[in-house]
Amino acid sequence: MIGATVKSVGVATMGVYPGYTGSLTVQGPVAVTGIFDYLTLSWYLKGIEADECATVPAGVSNACGVHIHEGTSCDDASLVGGHFYDKDQIESDPWSPVAATAKGNYSYGAVAIKTGKTTRDVQGRAMVVHDHTGARVACGLIGSAPLTSQIPITFAAYPGYAGDLQVTGYSAAYTVFGTAFVSFDIHGVEDACATTPEGVGNACGIHIHEGKSCDDATLVGGHFYDKTKVESDPWGSKVYTSKDGIARGLFPVRIGSDDIAGRAMVVHDSTGARIACGLLPASFVV
């Protein structure tokens, strides 16, 4: 995936599913991007079931699901259709395990799914949110208005770092209404990060920082988030897990701001030290 372009598709803004008369009012964006033949869903939803979807019920089809459907209407339930994927290429329904886990009555998350469909194929399709019984409760069409998108950044040694680790690879980030979605494919990290060391600040972390320089360590700054909107540092738990010196992943983090253009992305080692740095693009293609 190194050198891949994050392709922007758009955002579905959720409203009531046609004909739904229950008590849930699910609101918020579900964004779709693509990397190679994977679709990536990113969401920040409120109004979902706080208790019933805190742990997704086992054995319940579509429970707490967030899925792209075949139809291109949210006005008529008969036109929404089933899950959208290429049944000739994909043997079993790839949408079945995709669910929005509740954190209170909110859910934010990201997942990459191989559907056999391209970003172009999903334009205008219906995005559907299900409750814990699998019933359809919310619907929104994937609009043509794009997300911020970017060419993924590459890493170099952190300014002043003189250790043995040489981190290569890429990271990409975009935001949806104050939630950043970070993806990465990095090589040359420690096997000590196969399991994150307990009680070590920033151990095995990969974070967006305040500064806009990777040339001067004094200008990189601390973790970037809006302290007026987000009570405590949301980056502490955002870590990579390594295997044979490689770490790949995708995670959301609620930072309360969309102002990430040009900022430094920093990779930490198992001691929490800063070992690699790369700059997000100074301007995004929108």
C-alpha atoms as a PDB file:
ATOM      1  CA  MET A   1       0.000   0.000   0.000  1.00  0.00           C
ATOM      2  CA  ILE A   2       3.021   2.294   0.110  1.00  0.00           C
ATOM      3  CA  GLY A   3       2.520   5.261  -2.201  1.00  0.00           C
ATOM      4  CA  ALA A   4      -1.225   4.680  -2.497  1.00  0.00           C
ATOM      5  CA  THR A   5      -3.518   7.619  -3.093  1.00  0.00           C
ATOM      6  CA  VAL A   6      -6.441   8.100  -0.758  1.00  0.00           C
ATOM      7  CA  LYS A   7      -9.379   8.611  -3.098  1.00  0.00           C
ATOM      8  CA  SER A   8     -12.150  10.863  -1.901  1.00  0.00           C
ATOM      9  CA  VAL A   9     -15.751   9.836  -2.452  1.00  0.00           C
ATOM     10  CA  GLY A  10     -18.042  11.745  -0.169  1.00  0.00           C
ATOM     11  CA  VAL A  11     -20.196  11.771   2.901  1.00  0.00           C
ATOM     12  CA  ALA A  12     -23.606  10.326   3.644  1.00  0.00           C
ATOM     13  CA  THR A  13     -25.478  12.384   6.227  1.00  0.00           C
ATOM     14  CA  MET A  14     -27.831  10.093   8.087  1.00  0.00           C
ATOM     15  CA  GLY A  15     -31.561  10.647   8.432  1.00  0.00           C
ATOM     16  CA  VAL A  16     -34.542   8.463   9.332  1.00  0.00           C
ATOM     17  CA  TYR A  17     -34.891   5.236   7.344  1.00  0.00           C
ATOM     18  CA  PRO A  18     -38.062   5.330   5.203  1.00  0.00           C
ATOM     19  CA  GLY A  19     -40.961   3.974   7.211  1.00  0.00           C
ATOM     20  CA  TYR A  20     -39.042   3.680  10.507  1.00  0.00           C
ATOM     21  CA  THR A  21     -41.245   4.725  13.438  1.00  0.00           C
ATOM     22  CA  GLY A  22     -39.046   3.746  16.387  1.00  0.00           C
ATOM     23  CA  SER A  23     -37.526   5.994  19.030  1.00  0.00           C
ATOM     24  CA  LEU A  24     -33.967   6.240  17.652  1.00  0.00           C
ATOM     25  CA  THR A  25     -32.811   9.401  15.880  1.00  0.00           C
ATOM     26  CA  VAL A  26     -29.446   8.577  14.378  1.00  0.00           C
ATOM     27  CA  GLN A  27     -27.537  11.589  13.065  1.00  0.00           C
ATOM     28  CA  GLY A  28     -24.073  12.293  11.770  1.00  0.00           C
ATOM     29  CA  PRO A  29     -21.766  11.652   8.826  1.00  0.00           C
ATOM     30  CA  VAL A  30     -20.502   8.415   7.361  1.00  0.00           C
ATOM     31  CA  ALA A  31     -17.595   9.061   5.003  1.00  0.00           C
ATOM     32  CA  VAL A  32     -16.312   6.810   2.246  1.00  0.00           C
ATOM     33  CA  THR A  33     -12.818   6.796   0.783  1.00  0.00           C
ATOM     34  CA  GLY A  34     -10.873   4.224  -1.188  1.00  0.00           C
ATOM     35  CA  ILE A  35      -7.348   2.840  -1.246  1.00  0.00           C
ATOM     36  CA  PHE A  36      -6.675   0.411  -4.119  1.00  0.00           C
ATOM     37  CA  ASP A  37      -9.549  -2.112  -4.080  1.00  0.00           C
ATOM     38  CA  TYR A  38     -10.614  -1.376  -0.502  1.00  0.00           C
ATOM     39  CA  LEU A  39     -13.407   0.937   0.568  1.00  0.00           C
ATOM     40  CA  THR A  40     -12.905   2.696   3.875  1.00  0.00           C
ATOM     41  CA  LEU A  41     -15.903   3.740   5.972  1.00  0.00           C
ATOM     42  CA  SER A  42     -15.396   6.382   8.656  1.00  0.00           C
ATOM     43  CA  TRP A  43     -18.229   7.544  10.882  1.00  0.00           C
ATOM     44  CA  TYR A  44     -19.168   9.793  13.776  1.00  0.00           C
ATOM     45  CA  LEU A  45     -22.753   9.016  14.753  1.00  0.00           C
ATOM     46  CA  LYS A  46     -24.950  10.078  17.637  1.00  0.00           C
ATOM     47  CA  GLY A  47     -28.333   8.778  18.739  1.00  0.00           C
ATOM     48  CA  ILE A  48     -27.490   5.084  18.507  1.00  0.00           C
ATOM     49  CA  GLU A  49     -28.341   2.565  21.212  1.00  0.00           C
ATOM     50  CA  ALA A  50     -25.936   3.160  24.097  1.00  0.00           C
ATOM     51  CA  ASP A  51     -26.441  -0.142  25.905  1.00  0.00           C
ATOM     52  CA  GLU A  52     -27.530  -2.593  23.219  1.00  0.00           C
ATOM     53  CA  CYS A  53     -24.682  -1.694  20.841  1.00  0.00           C
ATOM     54  CA  ALA A  54     -21.949  -1.201  23.472  1.00  0.00           C
ATOM     55  CA  THR A  55     -21.104  -4.787  22.608  1.00  0.00           C
ATOM     56  CA  VAL A  56     -22.476  -5.914  19.265  1.00  0.00           C
ATOM     57  CA  PRO A  57     -24.905  -8.821  19.858  1.00  0.00           C
ATOM     58  CA  ALA A  58     -23.493 -12.128  18.663  1.00  0.00           C
ATOM     59  CA  GLY A  59     -25.445 -14.145  16.132  1.00  0.00           C
ATOM     60  CA  VAL A  60     -27.797 -11.306  15.148  1.00  0.00           C
ATOM     61  CA  SER A  61     -27.641 -10.519  11.444  1.00  0.00           C
ATOM     62  CA  ASN A  62     -26.755  -6.853  10.735  1.00  0.00           C
ATOM     63  CA  ALA A  63     -26.842  -5.919  14.441  1.00  0.00           C
ATOM     64  CA  CYS A  64     -25.589  -2.326  14.910  1.00  0.00           C
ATOM     65  CA  GLY A  65     -24.381  -2.392  11.296  1.00  0.00           C
ATOM     66  CA  VAL A  66     -23.218   0.456   9.067  1.00  0.00           C
ATOM     67  CA  HIS A  67     -23.382  -0.673   5.435  1.00  0.00           C
ATOM     68  CA  ILE A  68     -23.545   0.536   1.848  1.00  0.00           C
ATOM     69  CA  HIS A  69     -26.669  -0.787   0.106  1.00  0.00           C
ATOM     70  CA  GLU A  70     -27.452  -1.323  -3.571  1.00  0.00           C
ATOM     71  CA  GLY A  71     -30.195   1.271  -3.904  1.00  0.00           C
ATOM     72  CA  THR A  72     -29.975   4.969  -4.645  1.00  0.00           C
ATOM     73  CA  SER A  73     -32.974   6.154  -2.630  1.00  0.00           C
ATOM     74  CA  CYS A  74     -33.693   6.923   1.010  1.00  0.00           C
ATOM     75  CA  ASP A  75     -37.289   7.933   0.228  1.00  0.00           C
ATOM     76  CA  ASP A  76     -38.696   4.491  -0.539  1.00  0.00           C
ATOM     77  CA  ALA A  77     -37.734   1.416   1.500  1.00  0.00           C
ATOM     78  CA  SER A  78     -38.443  -0.856  -1.460  1.00  0.00           C
ATOM     79  CA  LEU A  79     -35.641   0.863  -3.393  1.00  0.00           C
ATOM     80  CA  VAL A  80     -32.851   0.665  -0.797  1.00  0.00           C
ATOM     81  CA  GLY A  81     -31.952  -2.929  -1.634  1.00  0.00           C
ATOM     82  CA  GLY A  82     -29.428  -5.234  -0.032  1.00  0.00           C
ATOM     83  CA  HIS A  83     -25.727  -4.910   0.724  1.00  0.00           C
ATOM     84  CA  PHE A  84     -23.647  -3.609  -2.158  1.00  0.00           C
ATOM     85  CA  TYR A  85     -20.722  -5.772  -3.258  1.00  0.00           C
ATOM     86  CA  ASP A  86     -19.577  -7.787  -6.278  1.00  0.00           C
ATOM     87  CA  LYS A  87     -21.046 -11.246  -5.766  1.00  0.00           C
ATOM     88  CA  ASP A  88     -18.956 -12.648  -8.624  1.00  0.00           C
ATOM     89  CA  GLN A  89     -15.677 -11.637  -6.960  1.00  0.00           C
ATOM     90  CA  ILE A  90     -16.560 -11.843  -3.251  1.00  0.00           C
ATOM     91  CA  GLU A  91     -17.774 -15.194  -1.964  1.00  0.00           C
ATOM     92  CA  SER A  92     -19.503 -14.103   1.249  1.00  0.00           C
ATOM     93  CA  ASP A  93     -21.102 -10.821   2.282  1.00  0.00           C
ATOM     94  CA  PRO A  94     -18.216  -8.555   3.433  1.00  0.00           C
ATOM     95  CA  TRP A  95     -20.607  -6.177   5.200  1.00  0.00           C
ATOM     96  CA  SER A  96     -21.822  -8.684   7.809  1.00  0.00           C
ATOM     97  CA  PRO A  97     -19.117  -7.940  10.432  1.00  0.00           C
ATOM     98  CA  VAL A  98     -19.148  -4.136   9.963  1.00  0.00           C
ATOM     99  CA  ALA A  99     -20.796  -2.566  13.009  1.00  0.00           C
ATOM    100  CA  ALA A 100     -20.845   0.702  14.951  1.00  0.00           C
ATOM    101  CA  THR A 101     -19.862  -0.024  18.540  1.00  0.00           C
ATOM    102  CA  ALA A 102     -21.448   2.437  20.963  1.00  0.00           C
ATOM    103  CA  LYS A 103     -19.549   4.674  23.353  1.00  0.00           C
ATOM    104  CA  GLY A 104     -22.541   6.093  25.186  1.00  0.00           C
ATOM    105  CA  ASN A 105     -25.044   7.065  22.531  1.00  0.00           C
ATOM    106  CA  TYR A 106     -22.197   7.943  20.158  1.00  0.00           C
ATOM    107  CA  SER A 107     -20.123   5.794  17.860  1.00  0.00           C
ATOM    108  CA  TYR A 108     -16.999   6.707  15.936  1.00  0.00           C
ATOM    109  CA  GLY A 109     -14.920   4.274  13.966  1.00  0.00           C
ATOM    110  CA  ALA A 110     -13.296   3.306  10.717  1.00  0.00           C
ATOM    111  CA  VAL A 111     -13.014   0.068   8.790  1.00  0.00           C
ATOM    112  CA  ALA A 112     -11.594  -1.052   5.440  1.00  0.00           C
ATOM    113  CA  ILE A 113     -13.686  -3.527   3.407  1.00  0.00           C
ATOM    114  CA  LYS A 114     -12.896  -5.366   0.202  1.00  0.00           C
ATOM    115  CA  THR A 115     -16.166  -5.313  -1.739  1.00  0.00           C
ATOM    116  CA  GLY A 116     -15.071  -5.720  -5.343  1.00  0.00           C
ATOM    117  CA  LYS A 117     -16.500  -2.264  -6.003  1.00  0.00           C
ATOM    118  CA  THR A 118     -14.728   1.011  -6.681  1.00  0.00           C
ATOM    119  CA  THR A 119     -15.187   4.449  -5.173  1.00  0.00           C
ATOM    120  CA  ARG A 120     -16.990   5.478  -8.349  1.00  0.00           C
ATOM    121  CA  ASP A 121     -19.442   2.564  -7.992  1.00  0.00           C
ATOM    122  CA  VAL A 122     -20.702   3.730  -4.588  1.00  0.00           C
ATOM    123  CA  GLN A 123     -21.521   7.310  -5.566  1.00  0.00           C
ATOM    124  CA  GLY A 124     -25.182   7.976  -4.817  1.00  0.00           C
ATOM    125  CA  ARG A 125     -25.736   4.635  -3.039  1.00  0.00           C
ATOM    126  CA  ALA A 126     -27.661   4.354   0.208  1.00  0.00           C
ATOM    127  CA  MET A 127     -25.769   4.110   3.505  1.00  0.00           C
ATOM    128  CA  VAL A 128     -27.824   2.320   6.150  1.00  0.00           C
ATOM    129  CA  VAL A 129     -27.466   2.112   9.941  1.00  0.00           C
ATOM    130  CA  HIS A 130     -29.070  -0.840  11.753  1.00  0.00           C
ATOM    131  CA  ASP A 131     -30.135  -1.195  15.400  1.00  0.00           C
ATOM    132  CA  HIS A 132     -29.183  -4.079  17.702  1.00  0.00           C
ATOM    133  CA  THR A 133     -31.931  -6.277  16.237  1.00  0.00           C
ATOM    134  CA  GLY A 134     -30.631  -5.728  12.696  1.00  0.00           C
ATOM    135  CA  ALA A 135     -33.556  -3.473  11.775  1.00  0.00           C
ATOM    136  CA  ARG A 136     -32.838  -0.515   9.501  1.00  0.00           C
ATOM    137  CA  VAL A 137     -33.157   2.761  11.413  1.00  0.00           C
ATOM    138  CA  ALA A 138     -31.219   5.403   9.447  1.00  0.00           C
ATOM    139  CA  CYS A 139     -30.362   6.103   5.824  1.00  0.00           C
ATOM    140  CA  GLY A 140     -28.337   8.625   3.835  1.00  0.00           C
ATOM    141  CA  LEU A 141     -27.073   8.869   0.263  1.00  0.00           C
ATOM    142  CA  ILE A 142     -23.359   9.063  -0.444  1.00  0.00           C
ATOM    143  CA  GLY A 143     -23.070  12.564  -1.836  1.00  0.00           C
ATOM    144  CA  SER A 144     -20.739  13.898  -4.477  1.00  0.00           C
ATOM    145  CA  ALA A 145     -19.237  16.519  -2.161  1.00  0.00           C
ATOM    146  CA  PRO A 146     -15.759  15.149  -1.475  1.00  0.00           C
ATOM    147  CA  LEU A 147     -13.772  14.796   1.694  1.00  0.00           C
ATOM    148  CA  THR A 148     -10.370  16.389   2.015  1.00  0.00           C
ATOM    149  CA  SER A 149      -7.997  13.976   0.334  1.00  0.00           C
ATOM    150  CA  GLN A 150      -4.258  13.692  -0.022  1.00  0.00           C
ATOM    151  CA  ILE A 151      -1.234  11.874  -1.296  1.00  0.00           C
ATOM    152  CA  PRO A 152       0.005   9.936   1.756  1.00  0.00           C
ATOM    153  CA  ILE A 153       3.119  11.289   3.463  1.00  0.00           C
ATOM    154  CA  THR A 154       6.401   9.471   3.835  1.00  0.00           C
ATOM    155  CA  PHE A 155       8.614   9.449   6.917  1.00  0.00           C
ATOM    156  CA  ALA A 156      12.195  10.483   7.637  1.00  0.00           C
ATOM    157  CA  ALA A 157      14.207  10.413  10.855  1.00  0.00           C
ATOM    158  CA  TYR A 158      12.897  12.714  13.596  1.00  0.00           C
ATOM    159  CA  PRO A 159      15.114  15.814  13.837  1.00  0.00           C
ATOM    160  CA  GLY A 160      18.028  14.969  16.124  1.00  0.00           C
ATOM    161  CA  TYR A 161      17.191  11.256  16.395  1.00  0.00           C
ATOM    162  CA  ALA A 162      20.433   9.250  16.371  1.00  0.00           C
ATOM    163  CA  GLY A 163      19.120   5.757  17.126  1.00  0.00           C
ATOM    164  CA  ASP A 164      19.220   2.629  14.996  1.00  0.00           C
ATOM    165  CA  LEU A 165      15.597   2.591  13.796  1.00  0.00           C
ATOM    166  CA  GLN A 166      14.931   3.687  10.226  1.00  0.00           C
ATOM    167  CA  VAL A 167      11.194   4.054   9.730  1.00  0.00           C
ATOM    168  CA  THR A 168       9.945   4.038   6.162  1.00  0.00           C
ATOM    169  CA  GLY A 169       6.464   3.814   4.699  1.00  0.00           C
ATOM    170  CA  TYR A 170       3.477   6.107   4.653  1.00  0.00           C
ATOM    171  CA  SER A 171       0.676   7.590   6.683  1.00  0.00           C
ATOM    172  CA  ALA A 172      -2.454   9.394   5.543  1.00  0.00           C
ATOM    173  CA  ALA A 173      -5.016  11.413   7.453  1.00  0.00           C
ATOM    174  CA  TYR A 174      -8.263  13.211   6.791  1.00  0.00           C
ATOM    175  CA  THR A 175     -10.970  14.664   9.017  1.00  0.00           C
ATOM    176  CA  VAL A 176     -14.758  14.527   9.163  1.00  0.00           C
ATOM    177  CA  PHE A 177     -16.367  17.118  11.460  1.00  0.00           C
ATOM    178  CA  GLY A 178     -13.545  17.123  14.010  1.00  0.00           C
ATOM    179  CA  THR A 179     -12.697  13.428  13.886  1.00  0.00           C
ATOM    180  CA  ALA A 180      -9.366  12.533  12.281  1.00  0.00           C
ATOM    181  CA  PHE A 181      -8.934   9.212  10.514  1.00  0.00           C
ATOM    182  CA  VAL A 182      -5.340   8.048  10.359  1.00  0.00           C
ATOM    183  CA  SER A 183      -4.076   5.154   8.227  1.00  0.00           C
ATOM    184  CA  PHE A 184      -0.501   3.895   8.098  1.00  0.00           C
ATOM    185  CA  ASP A 185       1.775   1.268   6.606  1.00  0.00           C
ATOM    186  CA  ILE A 186       5.211   1.643   8.204  1.00  0.00           C
ATOM    187  CA  HIS A 187       8.340  -0.511   8.165  1.00  0.00           C
ATOM    188  CA  GLY A 188      11.429  -0.571  10.359  1.00  0.00           C
ATOM    189  CA  VAL A 189       9.713  -0.323  13.747  1.00  0.00           C
ATOM    190  CA  GLU A 190      10.627  -2.389  16.807  1.00  0.00           C
ATOM    191  CA  ASP A 191       9.365  -5.871  17.548  1.00  0.00           C
ATOM    192  CA  ALA A 192       9.016  -4.509  21.109  1.00  0.00           C
ATOM    193  CA  CYS A 193       5.839  -2.864  19.794  1.00  0.00           C
ATOM    194  CA  ALA A 194       4.201  -6.221  19.079  1.00  0.00           C
ATOM    195  CA  THR A 195       2.528  -5.512  22.425  1.00  0.00           C
ATOM    196  CA  THR A 196       2.342  -1.921  23.643  1.00  0.00           C
ATOM    197  CA  PRO A 197       4.362  -1.489  26.870  1.00  0.00           C
ATOM    198  CA  GLU A 198       2.095  -0.634  29.797  1.00  0.00           C
ATOM    199  CA  GLY A 199       2.500   2.649  31.609  1.00  0.00           C
ATOM    200  CA  VAL A 200       4.887   4.172  29.054  1.00  0.00           C
ATOM    201  CA  GLY A 201       3.652   7.477  27.667  1.00  0.00           C
ATOM    202  CA  ASN A 202       3.434   7.572  23.860  1.00  0.00           C
ATOM    203  CA  ALA A 203       4.945   4.091  23.524  1.00  0.00           C
ATOM    204  CA  CYS A 204       4.476   2.812  19.953  1.00  0.00           C
ATOM    205  CA  GLY A 205       2.406   5.874  19.105  1.00  0.00           C
ATOM    206  CA  ILE A 206       1.670   7.470  15.744  1.00  0.00           C
ATOM    207  CA  HIS A 207       0.197  10.933  16.239  1.00  0.00           C
ATOM    208  CA  ILE A 208      -0.542  14.282  14.604  1.00  0.00           C
ATOM    209  CA  HIS A 209       1.408  17.055  16.349  1.00  0.00           C
ATOM    210  CA  GLU A 210       0.815  20.802  16.549  1.00  0.00           C
ATOM    211  CA  GLY A 211       3.885  21.942  14.652  1.00  0.00           C
ATOM    212  CA  LYS A 212       4.446  22.267  10.929  1.00  0.00           C
ATOM    213  CA  SER A 213       8.123  21.364  10.726  1.00  0.00           C
ATOM    214  CA  CYS A 214      10.150  18.161  10.639  1.00  0.00           C
ATOM    215  CA  ASP A 215      13.434  20.070  10.362  1.00  0.00           C
ATOM    216  CA  ASP A 216      13.575  21.487  13.887  1.00  0.00           C
ATOM    217  CA  ALA A 217      12.542  19.452  16.948  1.00  0.00           C
ATOM    218  CA  THR A 218      11.619  22.613  18.836  1.00  0.00           C
ATOM    219  CA  LEU A 219       8.913  23.356  16.260  1.00  0.00           C
ATOM    220  CA  VAL A 220       7.148  19.968  16.208  1.00  0.00           C
ATOM    221  CA  GLY A 221       5.178  20.659  19.378  1.00  0.00           C
ATOM    222  CA  GLY A 222       2.804  18.413  21.286  1.00  0.00           C
ATOM    223  CA  HIS A 223      -0.229  16.400  20.224  1.00  0.00           C
ATOM    224  CA  PHE A 224      -2.721  18.317  18.103  1.00  0.00           C
ATOM    225  CA  TYR A 225      -6.305  18.633  19.333  1.00  0.00           C
ATOM    226  CA  ASP A 226      -8.704  21.413  20.285  1.00  0.00           C
ATOM    227  CA  LYS A 227      -8.418  21.670  24.060  1.00  0.00           C
ATOM    228  CA  THR A 228     -11.621  23.738  24.261  1.00  0.00           C
ATOM    229  CA  LYS A 229     -13.666  20.891  22.744  1.00  0.00           C
ATOM    230  CA  VAL A 230     -11.795  17.766  23.830  1.00  0.00           C
ATOM    231  CA  GLU A 231     -11.181  17.415  27.578  1.00  0.00           C
ATOM    232  CA  SER A 232      -8.150  15.144  27.628  1.00  0.00           C
ATOM    233  CA  ASP A 233      -5.427  14.204  25.157  1.00  0.00           C
ATOM    234  CA  PRO A 234      -7.071  11.732  22.753  1.00  0.00           C
ATOM    235  CA  TRP A 235      -3.784  10.547  21.212  1.00  0.00           C
ATOM    236  CA  GLY A 236      -2.411   8.558  24.152  1.00  0.00           C
ATOM    237  CA  SER A 237      -4.230   5.359  23.214  1.00  0.00           C
ATOM    238  CA  LYS A 238      -3.500   5.628  19.486  1.00  0.00           C
ATOM    239  CA  VAL A 239      -0.730   3.134  18.865  1.00  0.00           C
ATOM    240  CA  TYR A 240       0.580   0.779  16.201  1.00  0.00           C
ATOM    241  CA  THR A 241       1.202  -2.936  16.642  1.00  0.00           C
ATOM    242  CA  SER A 242       4.263  -4.362  14.925  1.00  0.00           C
ATOM    243  CA  LYS A 243       5.062  -7.745  13.416  1.00  0.00           C
ATOM    244  CA  ASP A 244       8.433  -8.447  11.827  1.00  0.00           C
ATOM    245  CA  GLY A 245       9.179  -4.731  11.870  1.00  0.00           C
ATOM    246  CA  ILE A 246       5.975  -3.788  10.023  1.00  0.00           C
ATOM    247  CA  ALA A 247       2.894  -2.010  11.338  1.00  0.00           C
ATOM    248  CA  ARG A 248      -0.324  -1.346   9.432  1.00  0.00           C
ATOM    249  CA  GLY A 249      -3.549   0.107  10.701  1.00  0.00           C
ATOM    250  CA  LEU A 250      -6.393   2.562  10.579  1.00  0.00           C
ATOM    251  CA  PHE A 251      -7.989   4.376  13.500  1.00  0.00           C
ATOM    252  CA  PRO A 252     -10.263   7.343  14.270  1.00  0.00           C
ATOM    253  CA  VAL A 253      -9.497   9.955  16.911  1.00  0.00           C
ATOM    254  CA  ARG A 254     -11.812  12.736  18.035  1.00  0.00           C
ATOM    255  CA  ILE A 255      -9.652  15.901  17.964  1.00  0.00           C
ATOM    256  CA  GLY A 256     -12.356  18.581  17.749  1.00  0.00           C
ATOM    257  CA  SER A 257     -10.749  20.268  14.741  1.00  0.00           C
ATOM    258  CA  ASP A 258     -10.309  19.834  10.991  1.00  0.00           C
ATOM    259  CA  ASP A 259      -7.191  22.004  10.861  1.00  0.00           C
ATOM    260  CA  ILE A 260      -4.593  19.282  10.190  1.00  0.00           C
ATOM    261  CA  ALA A 261      -3.116  20.577   6.920  1.00  0.00           C
ATOM    262  CA  GLY A 262       0.669  20.884   7.062  1.00  0.00           C
ATOM    263  CA  ARG A 263       1.031  19.439  10.544  1.00  0.00           C
ATOM    264  CA  ALA A 264       3.670  16.948  11.626  1.00  0.00           C
ATOM    265  CA  MET A 265       2.917  13.239  11.939  1.00  0.00           C
ATOM    266  CA  VAL A 266       5.241  11.610  14.471  1.00  0.00           C
ATOM    267  CA  VAL A 267       6.125   7.956  15.090  1.00  0.00           C
ATOM    268  CA  HIS A 268       7.283   6.937  18.603  1.00  0.00           C
ATOM    269  CA  ASP A 269       9.277   3.873  19.652  1.00  0.00           C
ATOM    270  CA  SER A 270       8.567   1.519  22.577  1.00  0.00           C
ATOM    271  CA  THR A 271      10.052   4.004  25.050  1.00  0.00           C
ATOM    272  CA  GLY A 272       7.846   6.828  23.795  1.00  0.00           C
ATOM    273  CA  ALA A 273      10.774   8.583  22.098  1.00  0.00           C
ATOM    274  CA  ARG A 274      10.129  10.343  18.786  1.00  0.00           C
ATOM    275  CA  ILE A 275      11.883   8.478  15.977  1.00  0.00           C
ATOM    276  CA  ALA A 276      10.269   9.538  12.697  1.00  0.00           C
ATOM    277  CA  CYS A 277       8.424  12.539  11.288  1.00  0.00           C
ATOM    278  CA  GLY A 278       6.529  13.517   8.157  1.00  0.00           C
ATOM    279  CA  LEU A 279       4.407  16.521   7.195  1.00  0.00           C
ATOM    280  CA  LEU A 280       0.799  16.319   6.095  1.00  0.00           C
ATOM    281  CA  PRO A 281       0.186  18.315   2.890  1.00  0.00           C
ATOM    282  CA  ALA A 282       0.009  22.062   3.432  1.00  0.00           C
ATOM    283  CA  SER A 283      -3.171  22.149   1.371  1.00  0.00           C
ATOM    284  CA  PHE A 284      -5.693  19.433   0.598  1.00  0.00           C
ATOM    285  CA  VAL A 285      -7.463  18.695  -2.662  1.00  0.00           C
ATOM    286  CA  VAL A 286     -11.178  19.282  -2.106  1.00  0.00           C
END
